[in-house]
Amino acid sequence: MRNMEDAVLGFIGAIKDSEEYRDYAREKERVKQFPELKEQIDEYRRRNYVMQNSHDTVFENIEEFEKEYADLWEEPLAADFLAAELAFCRMMQKVSLRVTESLDFE
């Protein structure tokens, strides 16, 4: 088990050293300096999560959601944060997929 713990700590270190994580952490700190903007971003993220995980989401709802938050994406600080977060999430998804595929996990 000690080998696994060492590997996990090394893995966490590699993630924190990645460009995607460093960009995300930097943008997160920048956004925290603007509480109202952070609140808007957090609400966007909550609603986006719910919509993506709903079984009855229709195309019209997605279009409406995008229109509602178009102004948020016009704000450079918000757009930079959301892009960095997306890049980090995609990296983590790829890592997770690679691990599960390599282990023949069904």
C-alpha atoms as a PDB file:
ATOM      1  CA  MET A   1       0.000   0.000   0.000  1.00  0.00           C
ATOM      2  CA  ARG A   2       2.949   2.344   0.634  1.00  0.00           C
ATOM      3  CA  ASN A   3       3.948   2.101  -3.034  1.00  0.00           C
ATOM      4  CA  MET A   4       0.440   3.128  -4.020  1.00  0.00           C
ATOM      5  CA  GLU A   5       0.503   6.104  -1.627  1.00  0.00           C
ATOM      6  CA  ASP A   6       3.842   7.252  -3.052  1.00  0.00           C
ATOM      7  CA  ALA A   7       2.510   6.885  -6.589  1.00  0.00           C
ATOM      8  CA  VAL A   8      -0.630   8.870  -5.744  1.00  0.00           C
ATOM      9  CA  LEU A   9       1.425  11.677  -4.205  1.00  0.00           C
ATOM     10  CA  GLY A  10       3.640  11.713  -7.304  1.00  0.00           C
ATOM     11  CA  PHE A  11       0.564  11.763  -9.525  1.00  0.00           C
ATOM     12  CA  ILE A  12      -0.912  14.698  -7.609  1.00  0.00           C
ATOM     13  CA  GLY A  13       2.405  16.523  -7.960  1.00  0.00           C
ATOM     14  CA  ALA A  14       2.415  15.896 -11.714  1.00  0.00           C
ATOM     15  CA  ILE A  15      -1.126  17.243 -12.002  1.00  0.00           C
ATOM     16  CA  LYS A  16      -0.210  20.368 -10.038  1.00  0.00           C
ATOM     17  CA  ASP A  17       2.832  20.850 -12.292  1.00  0.00           C
ATOM     18  CA  SER A  18       0.745  20.628 -15.467  1.00  0.00           C
ATOM     19  CA  GLU A  19       0.155  23.749 -17.516  1.00  0.00           C
ATOM     20  CA  GLU A  20      -3.594  23.126 -17.395  1.00  0.00           C
ATOM     21  CA  TYR A  21      -3.692  23.065 -13.604  1.00  0.00           C
ATOM     22  CA  ARG A  22      -1.382  26.064 -13.223  1.00  0.00           C
ATOM     23  CA  ASP A  23      -3.538  28.082 -15.645  1.00  0.00           C
ATOM     24  CA  TYR A  24      -6.704  27.045 -13.811  1.00  0.00           C
ATOM     25  CA  ALA A  25      -5.252  27.911 -10.381  1.00  0.00           C
ATOM     26  CA  ARG A  26      -4.028  31.296 -11.622  1.00  0.00           C
ATOM     27  CA  GLU A  27      -7.385  32.194 -13.192  1.00  0.00           C
ATOM     28  CA  LYS A  28      -9.256  30.990 -10.100  1.00  0.00           C
ATOM     29  CA  GLU A  29      -7.216  33.352  -7.915  1.00  0.00           C
ATOM     30  CA  ARG A  30      -7.846  36.238 -10.310  1.00  0.00           C
ATOM     31  CA  VAL A  31     -11.613  35.641 -10.246  1.00  0.00           C
ATOM     32  CA  LYS A  32     -11.672  35.450  -6.437  1.00  0.00           C
ATOM     33  CA  GLN A  33     -10.663  39.128  -6.392  1.00  0.00           C
ATOM     34  CA  PHE A  34     -14.096  40.006  -7.846  1.00  0.00           C
ATOM     35  CA  PRO A  35     -16.765  38.418  -5.612  1.00  0.00           C
ATOM     36  CA  GLU A  36     -19.744  39.496  -7.742  1.00  0.00           C
ATOM     37  CA  LEU A  37     -18.188  38.064 -10.884  1.00  0.00           C
ATOM     38  CA  LYS A  38     -17.257  34.866  -9.033  1.00  0.00           C
ATOM     39  CA  GLU A  39     -20.867  34.548  -7.902  1.00  0.00           C
ATOM     40  CA  GLN A  40     -22.079  34.907 -11.511  1.00  0.00           C
ATOM     41  CA  ILE A  41     -19.559  32.320 -12.689  1.00  0.00           C
ATOM     42  CA  ASP A  42     -20.557  29.911  -9.916  1.00  0.00           C
ATOM     43  CA  GLU A  43     -24.248  30.281 -10.818  1.00  0.00           C
ATOM     44  CA  TYR A  44     -23.418  29.657 -14.478  1.00  0.00           C
ATOM     45  CA  ARG A  45     -21.438  26.558 -13.533  1.00  0.00           C
ATOM     46  CA  ARG A  46     -24.261  25.232 -11.301  1.00  0.00           C
ATOM     47  CA  ARG A  47     -26.906  25.709 -13.976  1.00  0.00           C
ATOM     48  CA  ASN A  48     -24.656  24.279 -16.676  1.00  0.00           C
ATOM     49  CA  TYR A  49     -24.015  21.175 -14.550  1.00  0.00           C
ATOM     50  CA  VAL A  50     -27.729  20.650 -13.924  1.00  0.00           C
ATOM     51  CA  MET A  51     -28.558  21.104 -17.587  1.00  0.00           C
ATOM     52  CA  GLN A  52     -25.827  18.702 -18.729  1.00  0.00           C
ATOM     53  CA  ASN A  53     -26.995  16.062 -16.279  1.00  0.00           C
ATOM     54  CA  SER A  54     -30.695  16.409 -17.008  1.00  0.00           C
ATOM     55  CA  HIS A  55     -32.313  13.727 -19.125  1.00  0.00           C
ATOM     56  CA  ASP A  56     -34.864  16.101 -20.613  1.00  0.00           C
ATOM     57  CA  THR A  57     -32.595  18.900 -21.858  1.00  0.00           C
ATOM     58  CA  VAL A  58     -33.668  20.050 -25.298  1.00  0.00           C
ATOM     59  CA  PHE A  59     -31.794  22.100 -27.857  1.00  0.00           C
ATOM     60  CA  GLU A  60     -33.991  25.146 -27.228  1.00  0.00           C
ATOM     61  CA  ASN A  61     -33.035  25.110 -23.543  1.00  0.00           C
ATOM     62  CA  ILE A  62     -29.357  25.059 -24.462  1.00  0.00           C
ATOM     63  CA  GLU A  63     -29.796  28.003 -26.836  1.00  0.00           C
ATOM     64  CA  GLU A  64     -31.696  29.949 -24.171  1.00  0.00           C
ATOM     65  CA  PHE A  65     -29.010  29.201 -21.594  1.00  0.00           C
ATOM     66  CA  GLU A  66     -26.249  30.340 -23.953  1.00  0.00           C
ATOM     67  CA  LYS A  67     -28.096  33.587 -24.717  1.00  0.00           C
ATOM     68  CA  GLU A  68     -28.693  34.225 -21.027  1.00  0.00           C
ATOM     69  CA  TYR A  69     -24.980  33.921 -20.242  1.00  0.00           C
ATOM     70  CA  ALA A  70     -23.547  35.503 -23.405  1.00  0.00           C
ATOM     71  CA  ASP A  71     -22.612  38.647 -21.448  1.00  0.00           C
ATOM     72  CA  LEU A  72     -20.661  36.578 -18.939  1.00  0.00           C
ATOM     73  CA  TRP A  73     -18.558  35.095 -21.739  1.00  0.00           C
ATOM     74  CA  GLU A  74     -17.918  38.648 -23.007  1.00  0.00           C
ATOM     75  CA  GLU A  75     -16.149  39.426 -19.724  1.00  0.00           C
ATOM     76  CA  PRO A  76     -12.460  38.535 -20.368  1.00  0.00           C
ATOM     77  CA  LEU A  77     -11.759  37.480 -16.775  1.00  0.00           C
ATOM     78  CA  ALA A  78     -14.758  35.118 -16.736  1.00  0.00           C
ATOM     79  CA  ALA A  79     -13.980  33.746 -20.195  1.00  0.00           C
ATOM     80  CA  ASP A  80     -10.340  33.136 -19.239  1.00  0.00           C
ATOM     81  CA  PHE A  81     -11.366  31.319 -16.054  1.00  0.00           C
ATOM     82  CA  LEU A  82     -14.001  29.177 -17.751  1.00  0.00           C
ATOM     83  CA  ALA A  83     -11.623  28.260 -20.592  1.00  0.00           C
ATOM     84  CA  ALA A  84      -8.882  27.317 -18.107  1.00  0.00           C
ATOM     85  CA  GLU A  85     -11.334  25.268 -16.057  1.00  0.00           C
ATOM     86  CA  LEU A  86     -12.551  23.457 -19.171  1.00  0.00           C
ATOM     87  CA  ALA A  87      -8.981  22.666 -20.274  1.00  0.00           C
ATOM     88  CA  PHE A  88      -8.174  21.296 -16.818  1.00  0.00           C
ATOM     89  CA  CYS A  89     -11.357  19.196 -16.707  1.00  0.00           C
ATOM     90  CA  ARG A  90     -10.657  17.756 -20.154  1.00  0.00           C
ATOM     91  CA  MET A  91      -7.126  16.854 -19.100  1.00  0.00           C
ATOM     92  CA  MET A  92      -8.458  15.082 -16.003  1.00  0.00           C
ATOM     93  CA  GLN A  93     -11.073  13.234 -18.079  1.00  0.00           C
ATOM     94  CA  LYS A  94      -8.363  11.998 -20.454  1.00  0.00           C
ATOM     95  CA  VAL A  95      -6.216  10.853 -17.528  1.00  0.00           C
ATOM     96  CA  SER A  96      -9.135   9.042 -15.910  1.00  0.00           C
ATOM     97  CA  LEU A  97     -10.073   7.364 -19.178  1.00  0.00           C
ATOM     98  CA  ARG A  98      -6.502   6.278 -19.801  1.00  0.00           C
ATOM     99  CA  VAL A  99      -6.203   4.767 -16.317  1.00  0.00           C
ATOM    100  CA  THR A 100      -9.478   2.842 -16.567  1.00  0.00           C
ATOM    101  CA  GLU A 101      -8.693   1.623 -20.106  1.00  0.00           C
ATOM    102  CA  SER A 102      -5.222   0.498 -19.065  1.00  0.00           C
ATOM    103  CA  LEU A 103      -6.660  -1.556 -16.223  1.00  0.00           C
ATOM    104  CA  ASP A 104      -9.300  -3.245 -18.379  1.00  0.00           C
ATOM    105  CA  PHE A 105     -11.882  -1.871 -15.946  1.00  0.00           C
ATOM    106  CA  GLU A 106     -15.474  -2.524 -16.977  1.00  0.00           C
END
